[in-house]
Amino acid sequence: MEPTVFNPVQIHLLKMFQRKKSEADLLEVKKVLSDYYAKKLNDHLNKLWDEGILDQKRLDEINEMDLHEFLRKNK
């Protein structure tokens, strides 16, 4: 079994959260991270829309796709 190698972000988070946190703290951190990545994704999708790369036709095509299968094939 190979040892886990942490990236700088993971190391920083581990150091930040060394001390025991409550369940409420964990949920709050999860929400902050989820909101952060949701905003990044939304900003990127808006950029693709503004550039004409993404449009309603493409969204409809994506909606019909099996995304799990697509991701497995495109790893």
C-alpha atoms as a PDB file:
ATOM      1  CA  MET A   1       0.000   0.000   0.000  1.00  0.00           C
ATOM      2  CA  GLU A   2       1.381   3.378  -1.018  1.00  0.00           C
ATOM      3  CA  PRO A   3       1.651   6.137   1.582  1.00  0.00           C
ATOM      4  CA  THR A   4      -0.722   9.086   1.263  1.00  0.00           C
ATOM      5  CA  VAL A   5       0.930  12.259   0.039  1.00  0.00           C
ATOM      6  CA  PHE A   6      -0.931  15.391   1.035  1.00  0.00           C
ATOM      7  CA  ASN A   7      -0.989  18.484  -1.125  1.00  0.00           C
ATOM      8  CA  PRO A   8      -0.348  21.939   0.409  1.00  0.00           C
ATOM      9  CA  VAL A   9      -4.066  22.682   0.838  1.00  0.00           C
ATOM     10  CA  GLN A  10      -4.640  19.417   2.687  1.00  0.00           C
ATOM     11  CA  ILE A  11      -1.657  20.042   4.952  1.00  0.00           C
ATOM     12  CA  HIS A  12      -2.881  23.552   5.738  1.00  0.00           C
ATOM     13  CA  LEU A  13      -6.364  22.288   6.588  1.00  0.00           C
ATOM     14  CA  LEU A  14      -4.989  19.516   8.784  1.00  0.00           C
ATOM     15  CA  LYS A  15      -2.901  22.017  10.724  1.00  0.00           C
ATOM     16  CA  MET A  16      -5.840  24.417  11.040  1.00  0.00           C
ATOM     17  CA  PHE A  17      -8.128  21.753  12.418  1.00  0.00           C
ATOM     18  CA  GLN A  18      -5.733  19.853  14.680  1.00  0.00           C
ATOM     19  CA  ARG A  19      -7.777  20.478  17.756  1.00  0.00           C
ATOM     20  CA  LYS A  20     -10.998  18.618  18.295  1.00  0.00           C
ATOM     21  CA  LYS A  21     -13.965  20.294  16.633  1.00  0.00           C
ATOM     22  CA  SER A  22     -17.640  19.851  17.336  1.00  0.00           C
ATOM     23  CA  GLU A  23     -20.087  18.337  14.881  1.00  0.00           C
ATOM     24  CA  ALA A  24     -21.522  21.831  14.361  1.00  0.00           C
ATOM     25  CA  ASP A  25     -18.051  23.120  13.430  1.00  0.00           C
ATOM     26  CA  LEU A  26     -17.624  20.284  10.953  1.00  0.00           C
ATOM     27  CA  LEU A  27     -20.975  21.052   9.322  1.00  0.00           C
ATOM     28  CA  GLU A  28     -20.101  24.742   9.108  1.00  0.00           C
ATOM     29  CA  VAL A  29     -16.732  24.013   7.459  1.00  0.00           C
ATOM     30  CA  LYS A  30     -18.416  21.646   4.987  1.00  0.00           C
ATOM     31  CA  LYS A  31     -20.936  24.356   4.100  1.00  0.00           C
ATOM     32  CA  VAL A  32     -18.231  26.996   3.637  1.00  0.00           C
ATOM     33  CA  LEU A  33     -16.252  24.692   1.335  1.00  0.00           C
ATOM     34  CA  SER A  34     -19.358  23.634  -0.560  1.00  0.00           C
ATOM     35  CA  ASP A  35     -20.444  27.263  -1.060  1.00  0.00           C
ATOM     36  CA  TYR A  36     -16.933  28.208  -2.202  1.00  0.00           C
ATOM     37  CA  TYR A  37     -16.773  25.502  -4.866  1.00  0.00           C
ATOM     38  CA  ALA A  38     -20.370  26.099  -5.958  1.00  0.00           C
ATOM     39  CA  LYS A  39     -19.525  29.776  -6.560  1.00  0.00           C
ATOM     40  CA  LYS A  40     -16.395  28.851  -8.515  1.00  0.00           C
ATOM     41  CA  LEU A  41     -18.406  26.446 -10.675  1.00  0.00           C
ATOM     42  CA  ASN A  42     -21.181  28.980 -11.213  1.00  0.00           C
ATOM     43  CA  ASP A  43     -18.661  31.680 -12.184  1.00  0.00           C
ATOM     44  CA  HIS A  44     -17.019  29.308 -14.672  1.00  0.00           C
ATOM     45  CA  LEU A  45     -20.355  28.275 -16.178  1.00  0.00           C
ATOM     46  CA  ASN A  46     -21.349  31.932 -16.528  1.00  0.00           C
ATOM     47  CA  LYS A  47     -18.077  32.599 -18.346  1.00  0.00           C
ATOM     48  CA  LEU A  48     -18.720  29.679 -20.731  1.00  0.00           C
ATOM     49  CA  TRP A  49     -22.244  31.007 -21.337  1.00  0.00           C
ATOM     50  CA  ASP A  50     -20.988  34.543 -22.005  1.00  0.00           C
ATOM     51  CA  GLU A  51     -18.389  33.184 -24.449  1.00  0.00           C
ATOM     52  CA  GLY A  52     -21.045  31.197 -26.324  1.00  0.00           C
ATOM     53  CA  ILE A  53     -19.430  27.853 -25.465  1.00  0.00           C
ATOM     54  CA  LEU A  54     -22.411  26.836 -23.339  1.00  0.00           C
ATOM     55  CA  ASP A  55     -25.991  27.400 -24.458  1.00  0.00           C
ATOM     56  CA  GLN A  56     -29.432  25.939 -23.817  1.00  0.00           C
ATOM     57  CA  LYS A  57     -29.009  23.298 -26.534  1.00  0.00           C
ATOM     58  CA  ARG A  58     -25.791  22.038 -24.922  1.00  0.00           C
ATOM     59  CA  LEU A  59     -27.401  22.083 -21.459  1.00  0.00           C
ATOM     60  CA  ASP A  60     -30.255  19.965 -22.807  1.00  0.00           C
ATOM     61  CA  GLU A  61     -27.731  17.490 -24.275  1.00  0.00           C
ATOM     62  CA  ILE A  62     -25.863  17.299 -20.958  1.00  0.00           C
ATOM     63  CA  ASN A  63     -29.146  16.764 -19.122  1.00  0.00           C
ATOM     64  CA  GLU A  64     -29.778  13.634 -21.209  1.00  0.00           C
ATOM     65  CA  MET A  65     -26.284  12.193 -20.629  1.00  0.00           C
ATOM     66  CA  ASP A  66     -25.328   9.520 -18.108  1.00  0.00           C
ATOM     67  CA  LEU A  67     -22.636  11.636 -16.458  1.00  0.00           C
ATOM     68  CA  HIS A  68     -21.308   8.764 -14.338  1.00  0.00           C
ATOM     69  CA  GLU A  69     -20.661   6.747 -17.497  1.00  0.00           C
ATOM     70  CA  PHE A  70     -19.169   9.792 -19.244  1.00  0.00           C
ATOM     71  CA  LEU A  71     -16.759  10.380 -16.360  1.00  0.00           C
ATOM     72  CA  ARG A  72     -15.731   6.707 -16.263  1.00  0.00           C
ATOM     73  CA  LYS A  73     -14.914   6.782 -19.971  1.00  0.00           C
ATOM     74  CA  ASN A  74     -13.037  10.096 -19.805  1.00  0.00           C
ATOM     75  CA  LYS A  75     -10.736   9.573 -16.822  1.00  0.00           C
END
